[in-house]
Every structure is written in structure tokens, then in C-alpha cells.
């Protein structure tokens, strides 16, 4: 019998308080949705996004390169590596193709758990729960800063086997975690709970190539109540301490294993985003 997702669409919608959505203030997930050309955003999000685009006119290029990186990583893990379990934290508003569409397109039996604590994402959980019948797709309403809650969730434990390798993806979210929340310690808590052979994939905004642009964009986000902390290559590399990096290591995302659809005429300064994949020994 085909298993059904633990969280139903009706259950997801019933748990969303319209007041929580706060459409009068910008939200990082909705701003990102605007950069990707999505329609799940509001005037406050578009106003903030347009201000960002004035200081960082290549932000749309960066967002698209970020998505393409995730797709290449998912194909590599589900294909060449043979990973069948995925945990994606900080999911954001669904933008097709989603992680489960890529992974299950390669391996229909792949199991994917999404986790996010943003009301706007919860409201779109239906899109995240439509996976291939051979596999399984589930959603957890939890924050990245709650590793024990996520890893101990009945939904996760019913969907994934913590004794088998899991690919953990933290895509374009850690730059919203300030140093005061100890992002490096958070990653260590997740990795300590995952078995040998698991993988960690990260993307992260950097000031390395366009420092003034990064400073201005950071100020725009912070002025609207959205913490943003761009980090250098050395800082991003720290997230992978103790792991075996997959070649070519920490790279600007469009230079990580580019495929036929990758535009290599785009400069590092236009992307301003590092990405990497590593394996737990």
C-alpha cells in the first residue's frame, strides 16, 4: 500500500493564522520568491526586493544560480551516489522543480522531508507533499534552530531511517542565522545525529566579490527586520569541518559541477554565493 504524507494539506492550512503571514512587512521567503519570478509575494516584499535590486542588480542571477546548484546536487546524490533519503531545512516557498521532484525523477523511491517554520511556507505545504507514489514526501513545521525537534519529529522518524545515509540540504538559509545563534554549532548538532555516509549541502551569500554591494544589501534586509550575515569563503568552509569535501569543494555556485545548462559567462561578482557538498565519514 502506498504511504501517504504525514501532514495533510487541510491540516497545514488549518494551522496557519492569517495574522502570522504579516503581508504588510517583507518576508525573506517571499522576497526570494520575487527574485525567482514567483507570484507568492506582496507589495511589502516587492518594495524590499526592488530596493535590493537597486543595490544588487544581479540578485536575480544569484537566486537562479542557487536553484540550479540545488538541482545539480540532488541529481548527483540520487544518481551517481545512490542516496535515497533527503532532509531539506529552510525550504522556502515551493518553486518547481522542487528537491523531491529532482530526486524522485532520478530515483522514484527517494524519500524527502522538508522543514520550515515560516507561515507562508506552511500555507504552500500542499505543493511540497506531492511526490512520486513509489517514494514519500513529508513536511515538518519547525525552525532550523531546533535540531532536536526536527530530528526527533515523528514525521521525520516515520519517513526517514536515521541508520541509513541522509542528504541534509541547507540552501540559502544560513546567511539569515546571525552569529549570536551559533550557526556552526547548529550544523554540528545536525551532523552528529546523522549516520556515516550522510551528506551536507550548503549555499551561502558572500561579500568576497562585491563587498560594497553585499554591505548595502545587508543594510536593506536588516532595516526591514530580516537579519542577514554574509560570510567569507573561509567562514563558509567552516561548516564543512571534519567532513570529506566533494570536488570541487566550496565554490561559487555556478562553478560547482556545471552542466550543459549552466551559464559560465556569469561572473563570480554577479552570483556572490558559495556552495559546497561534503560527506560525513
Foldseek 3Di string as FASTA:
>chain_A
DFDAAPQDLVNLQVPFDPVLQPLVFADPLQLLCVLCVHDLHHPNSVVLNVQLCVLQVLVSVQSVLLVVLLLVVLLCCVPVVNDQAEEEEPQGADDPPGSQCSNCVSPVAHFYEYEEQRSSNSNRCNVQQDGRRNHGGYYYNDHLLCLCCVVVPPSCVVRDDQQDAYEYEYGAPCQQPDVVSPPLVSLVVNVVSHHFFYKYKYKFAACVQPVVSVVSSQVSCVVRPGHGHHDHPVVVVSSQPQWAWDPPAKDQSLPGPHDPPRDPVDDSSSNRMIMTMTGHD
